[in-house]
Amino acid sequence: MVDDARRRCLGTNRDGSPCSAVARPDRDWCVWHDVALAEQRTAWRQAGGQNKSNRARAKKLAAGLGATELDALLAAALNGVLTGRLTPGQGQAAASLARAMVAVREYTAVEDVDRRLAALERLA
């Protein structure tokens, strides 16, 4: 008798081979083959894509840097290029990242205004 916790999924992979994942408790399929979870899988994929976007990564990195810190880092990068400690390419990369951070902040500010406006419209 096969232990219920070790039952294999009855689904098949794209190449036709049997799925090797463990079936969900009281089900015959794993989370990837269970038809009942189709909508949930779509939500997981969408959330995963949003959380891995360049905007989301930049937002996480920029969270700890204020305008003063960003200015100081750019000034240090410029000084590094001018003194030869950094290559012009490294300076360009720093400037590109700073532009991305500013764009993320502007986008986040617009999102915040949109959220607030929608809340006010609901109240009105």
C-alpha atoms as a PDB file:
ATOM      1  CA  MET A   1       0.000   0.000   0.000  1.00  0.00           C
ATOM      2  CA  VAL A   2       1.393   3.404  -1.023  1.00  0.00           C
ATOM      3  CA  ASP A   3       1.566   6.018   1.712  1.00  0.00           C
ATOM      4  CA  ASP A   4      -1.048   8.709   0.871  1.00  0.00           C
ATOM      5  CA  ALA A   5       1.535  11.470   1.433  1.00  0.00           C
ATOM      6  CA  ARG A   6       3.781   9.957  -1.267  1.00  0.00           C
ATOM      7  CA  ARG A   7       1.197   9.328  -4.002  1.00  0.00           C
ATOM      8  CA  ARG A   8       2.310  10.638  -7.372  1.00  0.00           C
ATOM      9  CA  CYS A   9       0.242  13.004  -9.498  1.00  0.00           C
ATOM     10  CA  LEU A  10      -1.806  11.348 -12.273  1.00  0.00           C
ATOM     11  CA  GLY A  11      -1.037  14.211 -14.675  1.00  0.00           C
ATOM     12  CA  THR A  12       1.355  14.134 -17.597  1.00  0.00           C
ATOM     13  CA  ASN A  13       4.027  16.610 -18.567  1.00  0.00           C
ATOM     14  CA  ARG A  14       4.139  18.426 -21.913  1.00  0.00           C
ATOM     15  CA  ASP A  15       6.482  15.799 -23.287  1.00  0.00           C
ATOM     16  CA  GLY A  16       4.001  13.055 -22.382  1.00  0.00           C
ATOM     17  CA  SER A  17       5.983  11.696 -19.462  1.00  0.00           C
ATOM     18  CA  PRO A  18       4.173  11.087 -16.160  1.00  0.00           C
ATOM     19  CA  CYS A  19       4.279  13.911 -13.637  1.00  0.00           C
ATOM     20  CA  SER A  20       6.704  13.155 -10.817  1.00  0.00           C
ATOM     21  CA  ALA A  21       5.186  15.590  -8.306  1.00  0.00           C
ATOM     22  CA  VAL A  22       3.398  14.407  -5.202  1.00  0.00           C
ATOM     23  CA  ALA A  23      -0.394  14.613  -5.447  1.00  0.00           C
ATOM     24  CA  ARG A  24      -2.219  17.032  -3.183  1.00  0.00           C
ATOM     25  CA  PRO A  25      -3.816  15.538  -0.062  1.00  0.00           C
ATOM     26  CA  ASP A  26      -7.138  13.881  -0.925  1.00  0.00           C
ATOM     27  CA  ARG A  27      -6.615  14.655  -4.630  1.00  0.00           C
ATOM     28  CA  ASP A  28      -5.171  12.758  -7.582  1.00  0.00           C
ATOM     29  CA  TRP A  29      -3.190  15.695  -8.982  1.00  0.00           C
ATOM     30  CA  CYS A  30      -0.446  18.086  -7.921  1.00  0.00           C
ATOM     31  CA  VAL A  31      -1.003  21.853  -7.768  1.00  0.00           C
ATOM     32  CA  TRP A  32       0.108  22.194 -11.415  1.00  0.00           C
ATOM     33  CA  HIS A  33      -2.291  19.588 -12.822  1.00  0.00           C
ATOM     34  CA  ASP A  34      -5.316  20.000 -10.539  1.00  0.00           C
ATOM     35  CA  VAL A  35      -8.112  21.520 -12.655  1.00  0.00           C
ATOM     36  CA  ALA A  36      -9.667  23.059  -9.537  1.00  0.00           C
ATOM     37  CA  LEU A  37      -6.618  25.311  -9.154  1.00  0.00           C
ATOM     38  CA  ALA A  38      -6.556  26.696 -12.729  1.00  0.00           C
ATOM     39  CA  GLU A  39      -7.607  30.220 -11.694  1.00  0.00           C
ATOM     40  CA  GLN A  40      -5.210  30.197  -8.748  1.00  0.00           C
ATOM     41  CA  ARG A  41      -2.314  29.184 -11.033  1.00  0.00           C
ATOM     42  CA  THR A  42      -3.131  32.111 -13.331  1.00  0.00           C
ATOM     43  CA  ALA A  43      -3.034  34.475 -10.362  1.00  0.00           C
ATOM     44  CA  TRP A  44       0.293  32.989  -9.234  1.00  0.00           C
ATOM     45  CA  ARG A  45       1.800  33.480 -12.702  1.00  0.00           C
ATOM     46  CA  GLN A  46       0.609  37.082 -12.879  1.00  0.00           C
ATOM     47  CA  ALA A  47       1.899  37.905  -9.407  1.00  0.00           C
ATOM     48  CA  GLY A  48       5.208  36.226 -10.150  1.00  0.00           C
ATOM     49  CA  GLY A  49       5.622  38.217 -13.349  1.00  0.00           C
ATOM     50  CA  GLN A  50       4.852  41.490 -11.612  1.00  0.00           C
ATOM     51  CA  ASN A  51       7.206  40.790  -8.728  1.00  0.00           C
ATOM     52  CA  LYS A  52      10.055  39.932 -11.076  1.00  0.00           C
ATOM     53  CA  SER A  53       9.629  42.933 -13.374  1.00  0.00           C
ATOM     54  CA  ASN A  54      12.428  45.455 -13.686  1.00  0.00           C
ATOM     55  CA  ARG A  55      10.146  48.055 -12.121  1.00  0.00           C
ATOM     56  CA  ALA A  56       9.505  45.885  -9.067  1.00  0.00           C
ATOM     57  CA  ARG A  57      13.214  45.120  -8.627  1.00  0.00           C
ATOM     58  CA  ALA A  58      14.147  48.791  -8.974  1.00  0.00           C
ATOM     59  CA  LYS A  59      11.423  49.728  -6.517  1.00  0.00           C
ATOM     60  CA  LYS A  60      12.890  47.342  -3.929  1.00  0.00           C
ATOM     61  CA  LEU A  61      16.402  48.670  -4.475  1.00  0.00           C
ATOM     62  CA  ALA A  62      15.305  52.308  -4.393  1.00  0.00           C
ATOM     63  CA  ALA A  63      13.252  51.925  -1.225  1.00  0.00           C
ATOM     64  CA  GLY A  64      16.214  52.690   1.033  1.00  0.00           C
ATOM     65  CA  LEU A  65      17.612  55.577  -1.001  1.00  0.00           C
ATOM     66  CA  GLY A  66      16.273  59.081  -0.638  1.00  0.00           C
ATOM     67  CA  ALA A  67      17.002  61.935  -3.034  1.00  0.00           C
ATOM     68  CA  THR A  68      19.974  63.042  -0.922  1.00  0.00           C
ATOM     69  CA  GLU A  69      21.570  59.565  -1.008  1.00  0.00           C
ATOM     70  CA  LEU A  70      20.940  59.240  -4.726  1.00  0.00           C
ATOM     71  CA  ASP A  71      22.530  62.653  -5.367  1.00  0.00           C
ATOM     72  CA  ALA A  72      25.556  61.660  -3.264  1.00  0.00           C
ATOM     73  CA  LEU A  73      25.976  58.390  -5.154  1.00  0.00           C
ATOM     74  CA  LEU A  74      25.752  60.113  -8.523  1.00  0.00           C
ATOM     75  CA  ALA A  75      28.228  62.777  -7.404  1.00  0.00           C
ATOM     76  CA  ALA A  76      30.620  60.042  -6.288  1.00  0.00           C
ATOM     77  CA  ALA A  77      30.191  58.253  -9.639  1.00  0.00           C
ATOM     78  CA  LEU A  78      30.852  61.461 -11.560  1.00  0.00           C
ATOM     79  CA  ASN A  79      33.924  62.138  -9.436  1.00  0.00           C
ATOM     80  CA  GLY A  80      35.074  58.556 -10.026  1.00  0.00           C
ATOM     81  CA  VAL A  81      34.805  58.978 -13.806  1.00  0.00           C
ATOM     82  CA  LEU A  82      36.596  62.336 -13.738  1.00  0.00           C
ATOM     83  CA  THR A  83      39.455  60.998 -11.585  1.00  0.00           C
ATOM     84  CA  GLY A  84      39.758  57.744 -13.524  1.00  0.00           C
ATOM     85  CA  ARG A  85      38.626  55.449 -10.685  1.00  0.00           C
ATOM     86  CA  LEU A  86      35.547  54.496 -12.717  1.00  0.00           C
ATOM     87  CA  THR A  87      35.290  53.942 -16.439  1.00  0.00           C
ATOM     88  CA  PRO A  88      32.924  56.124 -18.447  1.00  0.00           C
ATOM     89  CA  GLY A  89      30.821  52.990 -18.950  1.00  0.00           C
ATOM     90  CA  GLN A  90      30.481  52.530 -15.209  1.00  0.00           C
ATOM     91  CA  GLY A  91      29.476  56.179 -14.862  1.00  0.00           C
ATOM     92  CA  GLN A  92      26.916  55.727 -17.644  1.00  0.00           C
ATOM     93  CA  ALA A  93      25.537  52.650 -15.867  1.00  0.00           C
ATOM     94  CA  ALA A  94      25.163  54.632 -12.635  1.00  0.00           C
ATOM     95  CA  ALA A  95      23.355  57.426 -14.504  1.00  0.00           C
ATOM     96  CA  SER A  96      21.051  54.916 -16.213  1.00  0.00           C
ATOM     97  CA  LEU A  97      20.192  53.288 -12.905  1.00  0.00           C
ATOM     98  CA  ALA A  98      19.510  56.687 -11.350  1.00  0.00           C
ATOM     99  CA  ARG A  99      17.150  57.541 -14.249  1.00  0.00           C
ATOM    100  CA  ALA A 100      15.355  54.235 -13.688  1.00  0.00           C
ATOM    101  CA  MET A 101      15.018  54.964  -9.978  1.00  0.00           C
ATOM    102  CA  VAL A 102      13.548  58.397 -10.678  1.00  0.00           C
ATOM    103  CA  ALA A 103      11.114  56.859 -13.178  1.00  0.00           C
ATOM    104  CA  VAL A 104      10.033  54.278 -10.617  1.00  0.00           C
ATOM    105  CA  ARG A 105       9.448  56.986  -8.019  1.00  0.00           C
ATOM    106  CA  GLU A 106       7.435  59.062 -10.473  1.00  0.00           C
ATOM    107  CA  TYR A 107       5.372  56.013 -11.471  1.00  0.00           C
ATOM    108  CA  THR A 108       4.801  55.127  -7.812  1.00  0.00           C
ATOM    109  CA  ALA A 109       3.702  58.695  -7.068  1.00  0.00           C
ATOM    110  CA  VAL A 110       1.218  58.597  -9.964  1.00  0.00           C
ATOM    111  CA  GLU A 111      -0.111  55.237  -8.751  1.00  0.00           C
ATOM    112  CA  ASP A 112      -0.581  56.734  -5.283  1.00  0.00           C
ATOM    113  CA  VAL A 113      -2.451  59.749  -6.659  1.00  0.00           C
ATOM    114  CA  ASP A 114      -4.640  57.445  -8.783  1.00  0.00           C
ATOM    115  CA  ARG A 115      -5.446  55.313  -5.713  1.00  0.00           C
ATOM    116  CA  ARG A 116      -6.313  58.369  -3.634  1.00  0.00           C
ATOM    117  CA  LEU A 117      -8.462  59.840  -6.400  1.00  0.00           C
ATOM    118  CA  ALA A 118     -10.347  56.559  -6.821  1.00  0.00           C
ATOM    119  CA  ALA A 119     -10.969  56.437  -3.049  1.00  0.00           C
ATOM    120  CA  LEU A 120     -12.290  59.996  -3.063  1.00  0.00           C
ATOM    121  CA  GLU A 121     -14.524  59.248  -6.044  1.00  0.00           C
ATOM    122  CA  ARG A 122     -15.982  56.249  -4.209  1.00  0.00           C
ATOM    123  CA  LEU A 123     -16.744  58.446  -1.212  1.00  0.00           C
ATOM    124  CA  ALA A 124     -18.365  61.181  -3.313  1.00  0.00           C
END
